[in-house]
Amino acid sequence: PRLMRRFGGRDLTVASLITSAACLLAIGATQDAWLWMPLRLLTG
């Protein structure tokens, strides 16, 4: 809600879509269960 109030729903959605794509690519590039956890947290 705070991010939507500050940046608007459209910009927050665009940033979130790009972030989720980047996190999945980063997971594919790092074969480490412990490194995946912060990336999956950010994806969530």
PDB file of all heavy atoms in Angstrom:
ATOM      1  N   PRO A   1       0.809  -1.227   0.000  1.00  0.00           N
ATOM      2  CA  PRO A   1       0.000   0.000   0.000  1.00  0.00           C
ATOM      3  C   PRO A   1       0.841   1.276   0.000  1.00  0.00           C
ATOM      4  O   PRO A   1       0.508   2.247  -0.691  1.00  0.00           O
ATOM      5  CB  PRO A   1      -0.826  -0.124   1.291  1.00  0.00           C
ATOM      6  CG  PRO A   1      -0.872  -1.586   1.584  1.00  0.00           C
ATOM      7  CD  PRO A   1       0.464  -2.098   1.138  1.00  0.00           C
ATOM      8  N   ARG A   2       1.949   1.272   0.757  1.00  0.00           N
ATOM      9  CA  ARG A   2       2.806   2.460   0.801  1.00  0.00           C
ATOM     10  C   ARG A   2       3.476   2.702  -0.545  1.00  0.00           C
ATOM     11  O   ARG A   2       3.570   3.840  -1.026  1.00  0.00           O
ATOM     12  CB  ARG A   2       3.859   2.310   1.900  1.00  0.00           C
ATOM     13  CG  ARG A   2       3.283   2.359   3.313  1.00  0.00           C
ATOM     14  CD  ARG A   2       4.387   2.224   4.361  1.00  0.00           C
ATOM     15  NE  ARG A   2       3.875   2.463   5.699  1.00  0.00           N
ATOM     16  CZ  ARG A   2       3.304   1.537   6.450  1.00  0.00           C
ATOM     17  NH1 ARG A   2       3.174   0.296   5.992  1.00  0.00           N
ATOM     18  NH2 ARG A   2       2.862   1.827   7.665  1.00  0.00           N
ATOM     19  N   LEU A   3       3.963   1.618  -1.163  1.00  0.00           N
ATOM     20  CA  LEU A   3       4.608   1.756  -2.464  1.00  0.00           C
ATOM     21  C   LEU A   3       3.600   2.190  -3.528  1.00  0.00           C
ATOM     22  O   LEU A   3       3.915   2.997  -4.407  1.00  0.00           O
ATOM     23  CB  LEU A   3       5.261   0.424  -2.864  1.00  0.00           C
ATOM     24  CG  LEU A   3       6.452  -0.022  -2.007  1.00  0.00           C
ATOM     25  CD1 LEU A   3       6.892  -1.430  -2.398  1.00  0.00           C
ATOM     26  CD2 LEU A   3       7.611   0.954  -2.154  1.00  0.00           C
ATOM     27  N   MET A   4       2.385   1.665  -3.445  1.00  0.00           N
ATOM     28  CA  MET A   4       1.350   2.046  -4.402  1.00  0.00           C
ATOM     29  C   MET A   4       0.969   3.505  -4.214  1.00  0.00           C
ATOM     30  O   MET A   4       0.717   4.221  -5.193  1.00  0.00           O
ATOM     31  CB  MET A   4       0.135   1.132  -4.220  1.00  0.00           C
ATOM     32  CG  MET A   4      -0.904   1.230  -5.321  1.00  0.00           C
ATOM     33  SD  MET A   4      -2.194  -0.018  -5.105  1.00  0.00           S
ATOM     34  CE  MET A   4      -3.306   0.434  -6.458  1.00  0.00           C
ATOM     35  N   ARG A   5       0.899   3.947  -2.977  1.00  0.00           N
ATOM     36  CA  ARG A   5       0.578   5.347  -2.688  1.00  0.00           C
ATOM     37  C   ARG A   5       1.670   6.270  -3.230  1.00  0.00           C
ATOM     38  O   ARG A   5       1.383   7.344  -3.777  1.00  0.00           O
ATOM     39  CB  ARG A   5       0.442   5.511  -1.169  1.00  0.00           C
ATOM     40  CG  ARG A   5       0.290   6.916  -0.634  1.00  0.00           C
ATOM     41  CD  ARG A   5      -1.106   7.454  -0.826  1.00  0.00           C
ATOM     42  NE  ARG A   5      -1.344   7.995  -2.157  1.00  0.00           N
ATOM     43  CZ  ARG A   5      -2.520   8.346  -2.631  1.00  0.00           C
ATOM     44  NH1 ARG A   5      -3.600   8.201  -1.897  1.00  0.00           N
ATOM     45  NH2 ARG A   5      -2.629   8.829  -3.835  1.00  0.00           N
ATOM     46  N   ARG A   6       2.930   5.853  -3.104  1.00  0.00           N
ATOM     47  CA  ARG A   6       4.048   6.726  -3.488  1.00  0.00           C
ATOM     48  C   ARG A   6       4.321   6.716  -4.993  1.00  0.00           C
ATOM     49  O   ARG A   6       4.546   7.772  -5.592  1.00  0.00           O
ATOM     50  CB  ARG A   6       5.316   6.297  -2.737  1.00  0.00           C
ATOM     51  CG  ARG A   6       6.523   7.157  -3.057  1.00  0.00           C
ATOM     52  CD  ARG A   6       7.679   6.877  -2.136  1.00  0.00           C
ATOM     53  NE  ARG A   6       8.819   7.730  -2.439  1.00  0.00           N
ATOM     54  CZ  ARG A   6       9.976   7.706  -1.776  1.00  0.00           C
ATOM     55  NH1 ARG A   6      10.129   6.895  -0.731  1.00  0.00           N
ATOM     56  NH2 ARG A   6      10.968   8.500  -2.128  1.00  0.00           N
ATOM     57  N   PHE A   7       4.310   5.498  -5.605  1.00  0.00           N
ATOM     58  CA  PHE A   7       4.729   5.390  -7.004  1.00  0.00           C
ATOM     59  C   PHE A   7       3.575   5.162  -7.976  1.00  0.00           C
ATOM     60  O   PHE A   7       3.763   5.268  -9.190  1.00  0.00           O
ATOM     61  CB  PHE A   7       5.744   4.247  -7.155  1.00  0.00           C
ATOM     62  CG  PHE A   7       6.988   4.437  -6.349  1.00  0.00           C
ATOM     63  CD1 PHE A   7       7.218   3.683  -5.202  1.00  0.00           C
ATOM     64  CD2 PHE A   7       7.933   5.383  -6.722  1.00  0.00           C
ATOM     65  CE1 PHE A   7       8.375   3.852  -4.455  1.00  0.00           C
ATOM     66  CE2 PHE A   7       9.092   5.563  -5.980  1.00  0.00           C
ATOM     67  CZ  PHE A   7       9.311   4.805  -4.838  1.00  0.00           C
ATOM     68  N   GLY A   8       2.399   4.821  -7.451  1.00  0.00           N
ATOM     69  CA  GLY A   8       1.276   4.503  -8.322  1.00  0.00           C
ATOM     70  C   GLY A   8       1.230   3.018  -8.643  1.00  0.00           C
ATOM     71  O   GLY A   8       2.270   2.335  -8.661  1.00  0.00           O
ATOM     72  N   GLY A   9       0.032   2.518  -8.888  1.00  0.00           N
ATOM     73  CA  GLY A   9      -0.133   1.094  -9.128  1.00  0.00           C
ATOM     74  C   GLY A   9       0.561   0.614 -10.378  1.00  0.00           C
ATOM     75  O   GLY A   9       1.156  -0.472 -10.398  1.00  0.00           O
ATOM     76  N   ARG A  10       0.525   1.417 -11.460  1.00  0.00           N
ATOM     77  CA  ARG A  10       1.128   0.973 -12.710  1.00  0.00           C
ATOM     78  C   ARG A  10       2.638   0.806 -12.576  1.00  0.00           C
ATOM     79  O   ARG A  10       3.196  -0.228 -12.954  1.00  0.00           O
ATOM     80  CB  ARG A  10       0.821   1.983 -13.826  1.00  0.00           C
ATOM     81  CG  ARG A  10       1.297   1.528 -15.209  1.00  0.00           C
ATOM     82  CD  ARG A  10       1.125   2.634 -16.226  1.00  0.00           C
ATOM     83  NE  ARG A  10       1.999   3.769 -15.917  1.00  0.00           N
ATOM     84  CZ  ARG A  10       1.944   4.944 -16.541  1.00  0.00           C
ATOM     85  NH1 ARG A  10       1.029   5.158 -17.475  1.00  0.00           N
ATOM     86  NH2 ARG A  10       2.767   5.921 -16.223  1.00  0.00           N
ATOM     87  N   ASP A  11       3.325   1.811 -12.015  1.00  0.00           N
ATOM     88  CA  ASP A  11       4.780   1.728 -11.896  1.00  0.00           C
ATOM     89  C   ASP A  11       5.191   0.621 -10.936  1.00  0.00           C
ATOM     90  O   ASP A  11       6.189  -0.081 -11.173  1.00  0.00           O
ATOM     91  CB  ASP A  11       5.352   3.071 -11.426  1.00  0.00           C
ATOM     92  CG  ASP A  11       5.259   4.146 -12.497  1.00  0.00           C
ATOM     93  OD1 ASP A  11       4.963   3.799 -13.664  1.00  0.00           O
ATOM     94  OD2 ASP A  11       5.464   5.333 -12.173  1.00  0.00           O
ATOM     95  N   LEU A  12       4.437   0.437  -9.853  1.00  0.00           N
ATOM     96  CA  LEU A  12       4.748  -0.640  -8.914  1.00  0.00           C
ATOM     97  C   LEU A  12       4.583  -1.994  -9.584  1.00  0.00           C
ATOM     98  O   LEU A  12       5.414  -2.898  -9.396  1.00  0.00           O
ATOM     99  CB  LEU A  12       3.844  -0.545  -7.682  1.00  0.00           C
ATOM    100  CG  LEU A  12       3.995  -1.663  -6.647  1.00  0.00           C
ATOM    101  CD1 LEU A  12       5.424  -1.753  -6.135  1.00  0.00           C
ATOM    102  CD2 LEU A  12       3.024  -1.458  -5.489  1.00  0.00           C
ATOM    103  N   THR A  13       3.539  -2.153 -10.390  1.00  0.00           N
ATOM    104  CA  THR A  13       3.319  -3.421 -11.080  1.00  0.00           C
ATOM    105  C   THR A  13       4.426  -3.700 -12.088  1.00  0.00           C
ATOM    106  O   THR A  13       4.943  -4.823 -12.179  1.00  0.00           O
ATOM    107  CB  THR A  13       1.947  -3.427 -11.781  1.00  0.00           C
ATOM    108  OG1 THR A  13       0.931  -3.215 -10.800  1.00  0.00           O
ATOM    109  CG2 THR A  13       1.697  -4.753 -12.476  1.00  0.00           C
ATOM    110  N   VAL A  14       4.800  -2.692 -12.881  1.00  0.00           N
ATOM    111  CA  VAL A  14       5.877  -2.870 -13.863  1.00  0.00           C
ATOM    112  C   VAL A  14       7.171  -3.269 -13.159  1.00  0.00           C
ATOM    113  O   VAL A  14       7.858  -4.214 -13.574  1.00  0.00           O
ATOM    114  CB  VAL A  14       6.067  -1.579 -14.680  1.00  0.00           C
ATOM    115  CG1 VAL A  14       7.344  -1.667 -15.533  1.00  0.00           C
ATOM    116  CG2 VAL A  14       4.868  -1.323 -15.582  1.00  0.00           C
ATOM    117  N   ALA A  15       7.506  -2.576 -12.074  1.00  0.00           N
ATOM    118  CA  ALA A  15       8.729  -2.906 -11.332  1.00  0.00           C
ATOM    119  C   ALA A  15       8.661  -4.315 -10.758  1.00  0.00           C
ATOM    120  O   ALA A  15       9.661  -5.058 -10.771  1.00  0.00           O
ATOM    121  CB  ALA A  15       8.936  -1.889 -10.207  1.00  0.00           C
ATOM    122  N   SER A  16       7.495  -4.728 -10.271  1.00  0.00           N
ATOM    123  CA  SER A  16       7.340  -6.064  -9.674  1.00  0.00           C
ATOM    124  C   SER A  16       7.440  -7.153 -10.734  1.00  0.00           C
ATOM    125  O   SER A  16       8.025  -8.222 -10.494  1.00  0.00           O
ATOM    126  CB  SER A  16       6.003  -6.151  -8.940  1.00  0.00           C
ATOM    127  OG  SER A  16       5.951  -5.220  -7.878  1.00  0.00           O
ATOM    128  N   LEU A  17       6.866  -6.913 -11.911  1.00  0.00           N
ATOM    129  CA  LEU A  17       6.967  -7.892 -12.999  1.00  0.00           C
ATOM    130  C   LEU A  17       8.418  -8.082 -13.424  1.00  0.00           C
ATOM    131  O   LEU A  17       8.890  -9.212 -13.598  1.00  0.00           O
ATOM    132  CB  LEU A  17       6.117  -7.440 -14.188  1.00  0.00           C
ATOM    133  CG  LEU A  17       4.597  -7.521 -14.019  1.00  0.00           C
ATOM    134  CD1 LEU A  17       3.892  -6.771 -15.144  1.00  0.00           C
ATOM    135  CD2 LEU A  17       4.126  -8.968 -13.971  1.00  0.00           C
ATOM    136  N   ILE A  18       9.143  -6.983 -13.574  1.00  0.00           N
ATOM    137  CA  ILE A  18      10.550  -7.074 -13.969  1.00  0.00           C
ATOM    138  C   ILE A  18      11.371  -7.751 -12.875  1.00  0.00           C
ATOM    139  O   ILE A  18      12.253  -8.575 -13.144  1.00  0.00           O
ATOM    140  CB  ILE A  18      11.102  -5.671 -14.287  1.00  0.00           C
ATOM    141  CG1 ILE A  18      10.407  -5.111 -15.533  1.00  0.00           C
ATOM    142  CG2 ILE A  18      12.609  -5.710 -14.490  1.00  0.00           C
ATOM    143  CD1 ILE A  18      10.730  -3.659 -15.823  1.00  0.00           C
ATOM    144  N   THR A  19      11.079  -7.426 -11.614  1.00  0.00           N
ATOM    145  CA  THR A  19      11.798  -8.042 -10.490  1.00  0.00           C
ATOM    146  C   THR A  19      11.587  -9.543 -10.442  1.00  0.00           C
ATOM    147  O   THR A  19      12.546 -10.312 -10.242  1.00  0.00           O
ATOM    148  CB  THR A  19      11.345  -7.409  -9.160  1.00  0.00           C
ATOM    149  OG1 THR A  19      11.651  -6.023  -9.169  1.00  0.00           O
ATOM    150  CG2 THR A  19      12.036  -8.076  -7.977  1.00  0.00           C
ATOM    151  N   SER A  20      10.344  -9.994 -10.630  1.00  0.00           N
ATOM    152  CA  SER A  20      10.075 -11.437 -10.577  1.00  0.00           C
ATOM    153  C   SER A  20      10.793 -12.167 -11.709  1.00  0.00           C
ATOM    154  O   SER A  20      11.322 -13.275 -11.508  1.00  0.00           O
ATOM    155  CB  SER A  20       8.567 -11.699 -10.630  1.00  0.00           C
ATOM    156  OG  SER A  20       8.007 -11.224 -11.839  1.00  0.00           O
ATOM    157  N   ALA A  21      10.858 -11.557 -12.903  1.00  0.00           N
ATOM    158  CA  ALA A  21      11.587 -12.174 -14.019  1.00  0.00           C
ATOM    159  C   ALA A  21      13.077 -12.239 -13.718  1.00  0.00           C
ATOM    160  O   ALA A  21      13.734 -13.272 -13.941  1.00  0.00           O
ATOM    161  CB  ALA A  21      11.335 -11.387 -15.305  1.00  0.00           C
ATOM    162  N   ALA A  22      13.637 -11.144 -13.180  1.00  0.00           N
ATOM    163  CA  ALA A  22      15.068 -11.105 -12.875  1.00  0.00           C
ATOM    164  C   ALA A  22      15.435 -12.113 -11.786  1.00  0.00           C
ATOM    165  O   ALA A  22      16.488 -12.773 -11.863  1.00  0.00           O
ATOM    166  CB  ALA A  22      15.460  -9.688 -12.445  1.00  0.00           C
ATOM    167  N   CYS A  23      14.582 -12.261 -10.784  1.00  0.00           N
ATOM    168  CA  CYS A  23      14.853 -13.223  -9.702  1.00  0.00           C
ATOM    169  C   CYS A  23      14.888 -14.652 -10.232  1.00  0.00           C
ATOM    170  O   CYS A  23      15.746 -15.459  -9.835  1.00  0.00           O
ATOM    171  CB  CYS A  23      13.803 -13.096  -8.605  1.00  0.00           C
ATOM    172  SG  CYS A  23      13.986 -11.652  -7.559  1.00  0.00           S
ATOM    173  N   LEU A  24      13.955 -14.979 -11.128  1.00  0.00           N
ATOM    174  CA  LEU A  24      13.931 -16.343 -11.669  1.00  0.00           C
ATOM    175  C   LEU A  24      15.185 -16.615 -12.497  1.00  0.00           C
ATOM    176  O   LEU A  24      15.765 -17.709 -12.424  1.00  0.00           O
ATOM    177  CB  LEU A  24      12.675 -16.557 -12.506  1.00  0.00           C
ATOM    178  CG  LEU A  24      12.404 -18.008 -12.940  1.00  0.00           C
ATOM    179  CD1 LEU A  24      12.332 -18.934 -11.732  1.00  0.00           C
ATOM    180  CD2 LEU A  24      11.119 -18.099 -13.748  1.00  0.00           C
ATOM    181  N   LEU A  25      15.639 -15.647 -13.271  1.00  0.00           N
ATOM    182  CA  LEU A  25      16.875 -15.816 -14.037  1.00  0.00           C
ATOM    183  C   LEU A  25      18.074 -15.959 -13.097  1.00  0.00           C
ATOM    184  O   LEU A  25      18.984 -16.762 -13.355  1.00  0.00           O
ATOM    185  CB  LEU A  25      17.079 -14.635 -14.976  1.00  0.00           C
ATOM    186  CG  LEU A  25      16.085 -14.516 -16.142  1.00  0.00           C
ATOM    187  CD1 LEU A  25      16.326 -13.229 -16.923  1.00  0.00           C
ATOM    188  CD2 LEU A  25      16.180 -15.733 -17.063  1.00  0.00           C
ATOM    189  N   ALA A  26      18.083 -15.200 -12.011  1.00  0.00           N
ATOM    190  CA  ALA A  26      19.177 -15.296 -11.038  1.00  0.00           C
ATOM    191  C   ALA A  26      19.184 -16.661 -10.360  1.00  0.00           C
ATOM    192  O   ALA A  26      20.251 -17.240 -10.101  1.00  0.00           O
ATOM    193  CB  ALA A  26      19.053 -14.185 -10.004  1.00  0.00           C
ATOM    194  N   ILE A  27      18.005 -17.195 -10.081  1.00  0.00           N
ATOM    195  CA  ILE A  27      17.912 -18.538  -9.496  1.00  0.00           C
ATOM    196  C   ILE A  27      18.480 -19.566 -10.465  1.00  0.00           C
ATOM    197  O   ILE A  27      19.222 -20.488 -10.078  1.00  0.00           O
ATOM    198  CB  ILE A  27      16.449 -18.873  -9.136  1.00  0.00           C
ATOM    199  CG1 ILE A  27      16.018 -18.043  -7.918  1.00  0.00           C
ATOM    200  CG2 ILE A  27      16.273 -20.363  -8.840  1.00  0.00           C
ATOM    201  CD1 ILE A  27      14.533 -18.126  -7.611  1.00  0.00           C
ATOM    202  N   GLY A  28      18.148 -19.427 -11.756  1.00  0.00           N
ATOM    203  CA  GLY A  28      18.675 -20.353 -12.751  1.00  0.00           C
ATOM    204  C   GLY A  28      20.185 -20.289 -12.881  1.00  0.00           C
ATOM    205  O   GLY A  28      20.829 -21.287 -13.243  1.00  0.00           O
ATOM    206  N   ALA A  29      20.761 -19.132 -12.573  1.00  0.00           N
ATOM    207  CA  ALA A  29      22.211 -18.956 -12.715  1.00  0.00           C
ATOM    208  C   ALA A  29      22.986 -19.373 -11.476  1.00  0.00           C
ATOM    209  O   ALA A  29      24.215 -19.491 -11.523  1.00  0.00           O
ATOM    210  CB  ALA A  29      22.525 -17.496 -13.054  1.00  0.00           C
ATOM    211  N   THR A  30      22.300 -19.595 -10.351  1.00  0.00           N
ATOM    212  CA  THR A  30      22.983 -19.936  -9.093  1.00  0.00           C
ATOM    213  C   THR A  30      22.424 -21.243  -8.547  1.00  0.00           C
ATOM    214  O   THR A  30      21.300 -21.281  -8.068  1.00  0.00           O
ATOM    215  CB  THR A  30      22.770 -18.827  -8.041  1.00  0.00           C
ATOM    216  OG1 THR A  30      21.368 -18.607  -7.878  1.00  0.00           O
ATOM    217  CG2 THR A  30      23.426 -17.537  -8.491  1.00  0.00           C
ATOM    218  N   GLN A  31      23.168 -22.279  -8.623  1.00  0.00           N
ATOM    219  CA  GLN A  31      22.723 -23.592  -8.140  1.00  0.00           C
ATOM    220  C   GLN A  31      23.106 -23.756  -6.665  1.00  0.00           C
ATOM    221  O   GLN A  31      23.951 -24.577  -6.305  1.00  0.00           O
ATOM    222  CB  GLN A  31      23.362 -24.696  -8.987  1.00  0.00           C
ATOM    223  CG  GLN A  31      22.977 -24.639 -10.455  1.00  0.00           C
ATOM    224  CD  GLN A  31      21.499 -24.962 -10.671  1.00  0.00           C
ATOM    225  OE1 GLN A  31      20.992 -25.969 -10.208  1.00  0.00           O
ATOM    226  NE2 GLN A  31      20.803 -24.094 -11.391  1.00  0.00           N
ATOM    227  N   ASP A  32      22.488 -22.962  -5.828  1.00  0.00           N
ATOM    228  CA  ASP A  32      22.798 -22.985  -4.394  1.00  0.00           C
ATOM    229  C   ASP A  32      21.496 -22.777  -3.615  1.00  0.00           C
ATOM    230  O   ASP A  32      20.854 -21.731  -3.731  1.00  0.00           O
ATOM    231  CB  ASP A  32      23.805 -21.880  -4.058  1.00  0.00           C
ATOM    232  CG  ASP A  32      24.308 -21.960  -2.617  1.00  0.00           C
ATOM    233  OD1 ASP A  32      23.468 -22.055  -1.697  1.00  0.00           O
ATOM    234  OD2 ASP A  32      25.528 -21.916  -2.410  1.00  0.00           O
ATOM    235  N   ALA A  33      21.136 -23.772  -2.793  1.00  0.00           N
ATOM    236  CA  ALA A  33      19.870 -23.721  -2.055  1.00  0.00           C
ATOM    237  C   ALA A  33      19.793 -22.521  -1.128  1.00  0.00           C
ATOM    238  O   ALA A  33      18.722 -21.921  -0.958  1.00  0.00           O
ATOM    239  CB  ALA A  33      19.674 -25.014  -1.255  1.00  0.00           C
ATOM    240  N   TRP A  34      20.920 -22.135  -0.515  1.00  0.00           N
ATOM    241  CA  TRP A  34      20.910 -21.029   0.431  1.00  0.00           C
ATOM    242  C   TRP A  34      20.787 -19.682  -0.278  1.00  0.00           C
ATOM    243  O   TRP A  34      20.117 -18.764   0.222  1.00  0.00           O
ATOM    244  CB  TRP A  34      22.164 -21.065   1.299  1.00  0.00           C
ATOM    245  CG  TRP A  34      22.208 -22.270   2.189  1.00  0.00           C
ATOM    246  CD1 TRP A  34      22.937 -23.405   2.004  1.00  0.00           C
ATOM    247  CD2 TRP A  34      21.450 -22.479   3.387  1.00  0.00           C
ATOM    248  NE1 TRP A  34      22.701 -24.306   3.008  1.00  0.00           N
ATOM    249  CE2 TRP A  34      21.789 -23.765   3.884  1.00  0.00           C
ATOM    250  CE3 TRP A  34      20.532 -21.706   4.100  1.00  0.00           C
ATOM    251  CZ2 TRP A  34      21.230 -24.287   5.043  1.00  0.00           C
ATOM    252  CZ3 TRP A  34      19.984 -22.234   5.266  1.00  0.00           C
ATOM    253  CH2 TRP A  34      20.334 -23.506   5.724  1.00  0.00           C
ATOM    254  N   LEU A  35      21.421 -19.551  -1.451  1.00  0.00           N
ATOM    255  CA  LEU A  35      21.282 -18.319  -2.218  1.00  0.00           C
ATOM    256  C   LEU A  35      19.881 -18.164  -2.792  1.00  0.00           C
ATOM    257  O   LEU A  35      19.408 -17.046  -3.012  1.00  0.00           O
ATOM    258  CB  LEU A  35      22.310 -18.288  -3.356  1.00  0.00           C
ATOM    259  CG  LEU A  35      23.764 -18.043  -2.960  1.00  0.00           C
ATOM    260  CD1 LEU A  35      24.667 -18.133  -4.183  1.00  0.00           C
ATOM    261  CD2 LEU A  35      23.923 -16.679  -2.295  1.00  0.00           C
ATOM    262  N   TRP A  36      19.218 -19.296  -3.040  1.00  0.00           N
ATOM    263  CA  TRP A  36      17.871 -19.239  -3.595  1.00  0.00           C
ATOM    264  C   TRP A  36      16.870 -18.633  -2.603  1.00  0.00           C
ATOM    265  O   TRP A  36      15.868 -18.052  -3.015  1.00  0.00           O
ATOM    266  CB  TRP A  36      17.401 -20.639  -3.977  1.00  0.00           C
ATOM    267  CG  TRP A  36      17.997 -21.134  -5.261  1.00  0.00           C
ATOM    268  CD1 TRP A  36      18.986 -20.537  -5.990  1.00  0.00           C
ATOM    269  CD2 TRP A  36      17.643 -22.331  -5.951  1.00  0.00           C
ATOM    270  NE1 TRP A  36      19.276 -21.292  -7.094  1.00  0.00           N
ATOM    271  CE2 TRP A  36      18.464 -22.395  -7.103  1.00  0.00           C
ATOM    272  CE3 TRP A  36      16.734 -23.344  -5.719  1.00  0.00           C
ATOM    273  CZ2 TRP A  36      18.388 -23.449  -8.013  1.00  0.00           C
ATOM    274  CZ3 TRP A  36      16.645 -24.389  -6.620  1.00  0.00           C
ATOM    275  CH2 TRP A  36      17.469 -24.442  -7.755  1.00  0.00           C
ATOM    276  N   MET A  37      17.128 -18.788  -1.321  1.00  0.00           N
ATOM    277  CA  MET A  37      16.136 -18.357  -0.332  1.00  0.00           C
ATOM    278  C   MET A  37      15.865 -16.848  -0.382  1.00  0.00           C
ATOM    279  O   MET A  37      14.704 -16.432  -0.441  1.00  0.00           O
ATOM    280  CB  MET A  37      16.547 -18.832   1.062  1.00  0.00           C
ATOM    281  CG  MET A  37      16.435 -20.357   1.192  1.00  0.00           C
ATOM    282  SD  MET A  37      17.158 -21.025   2.704  1.00  0.00           S
ATOM    283  CE  MET A  37      16.015 -20.404   3.924  1.00  0.00           C
ATOM    284  N   PRO A  38      16.892 -15.978  -0.370  1.00  0.00           N
ATOM    285  CA  PRO A  38      16.572 -14.545  -0.485  1.00  0.00           C
ATOM    286  C   PRO A  38      15.967 -14.185  -1.838  1.00  0.00           C
ATOM    287  O   PRO A  38      15.138 -13.270  -1.930  1.00  0.00           O
ATOM    288  CB  PRO A  38      17.928 -13.847  -0.277  1.00  0.00           C
ATOM    289  CG  PRO A  38      18.962 -14.896  -0.523  1.00  0.00           C
ATOM    290  CD  PRO A  38      18.334 -16.184  -0.113  1.00  0.00           C
ATOM    291  N   LEU A  39      16.356 -14.902  -2.897  1.00  0.00           N
ATOM    292  CA  LEU A  39      15.777 -14.639  -4.216  1.00  0.00           C
ATOM    293  C   LEU A  39      14.302 -15.032  -4.255  1.00  0.00           C
ATOM    294  O   LEU A  39      13.474 -14.318  -4.835  1.00  0.00           O
ATOM    295  CB  LEU A  39      16.558 -15.403  -5.290  1.00  0.00           C
ATOM    296  CG  LEU A  39      17.974 -14.892  -5.572  1.00  0.00           C
ATOM    297  CD1 LEU A  39      18.728 -15.871  -6.464  1.00  0.00           C
ATOM    298  CD2 LEU A  39      17.931 -13.509  -6.219  1.00  0.00           C
ATOM    299  N   ARG A  40      13.961 -16.157  -3.632  1.00  0.00           N
ATOM    300  CA  ARG A  40      12.549 -16.573  -3.587  1.00  0.00           C
ATOM    301  C   ARG A  40      11.749 -15.655  -2.662  1.00  0.00           C
ATOM    302  O   ARG A  40      10.566 -15.404  -2.897  1.00  0.00           O
ATOM    303  CB  ARG A  40      12.450 -18.032  -3.137  1.00  0.00           C
ATOM    304  CG  ARG A  40      13.064 -18.999  -4.131  1.00  0.00           C
ATOM    305  CD  ARG A  40      12.891 -20.447  -3.744  1.00  0.00           C
ATOM    306  NE  ARG A  40      11.551 -20.936  -4.102  1.00  0.00           N
ATOM    307  CZ  ARG A  40      11.185 -22.217  -3.994  1.00  0.00           C
ATOM    308  NH1 ARG A  40      12.042 -23.119  -3.528  1.00  0.00           N
ATOM    309  NH2 ARG A  40       9.975 -22.588  -4.348  1.00  0.00           N
ATOM    310  N   LEU A  41      12.391 -15.173  -1.603  1.00  0.00           N
ATOM    311  CA  LEU A  41      11.724 -14.195  -0.729  1.00  0.00           C
ATOM    312  C   LEU A  41      11.378 -12.930  -1.514  1.00  0.00           C
ATOM    313  O   LEU A  41      10.250 -12.417  -1.434  1.00  0.00           O
ATOM    314  CB  LEU A  41      12.631 -13.856   0.456  1.00  0.00           C
ATOM    315  CG  LEU A  41      12.067 -12.824   1.448  1.00  0.00           C
ATOM    316  CD1 LEU A  41      10.947 -13.438   2.280  1.00  0.00           C
ATOM    317  CD2 LEU A  41      13.176 -12.300   2.357  1.00  0.00           C
ATOM    318  N   LEU A  42      12.348 -12.434  -2.296  1.00  0.00           N
ATOM    319  CA  LEU A  42      12.118 -11.230  -3.099  1.00  0.00           C
ATOM    320  C   LEU A  42      11.060 -11.493  -4.166  1.00  0.00           C
ATOM    321  O   LEU A  42      10.222 -10.624  -4.457  1.00  0.00           O
ATOM    322  CB  LEU A  42      13.431 -10.782  -3.742  1.00  0.00           C
ATOM    323  CG  LEU A  42      13.388  -9.471  -4.555  1.00  0.00           C
ATOM    324  CD1 LEU A  42      12.874  -8.318  -3.698  1.00  0.00           C
ATOM    325  CD2 LEU A  42      14.777  -9.149  -5.115  1.00  0.00           C
ATOM    326  N   THR A  43      11.061 -12.703  -4.738  1.00  0.00           N
ATOM    327  CA  THR A  43      10.022 -13.073  -5.706  1.00  0.00           C
ATOM    328  C   THR A  43       8.649 -13.025  -5.052  1.00  0.00           C
ATOM    329  O   THR A  43       7.681 -12.522  -5.638  1.00  0.00           O
ATOM    330  CB  THR A  43      10.277 -14.480  -6.274  1.00  0.00           C
ATOM    331  OG1 THR A  43      11.569 -14.522  -6.886  1.00  0.00           O
ATOM    332  CG2 THR A  43       9.228 -14.850  -7.318  1.00  0.00           C
ATOM    333  N   GLY A  44       8.551 -13.546  -3.831  1.00  0.00           N
ATOM    334  CA  GLY A  44       7.281 -13.518  -3.105  1.00  0.00           C
ATOM    335  C   GLY A  44       6.807 -12.099  -2.840  1.00  0.00           C
ATOM    336  O   GLY A  44       5.609 -11.802  -2.952  1.00  0.00           O
TER     337      GLY A  44
END
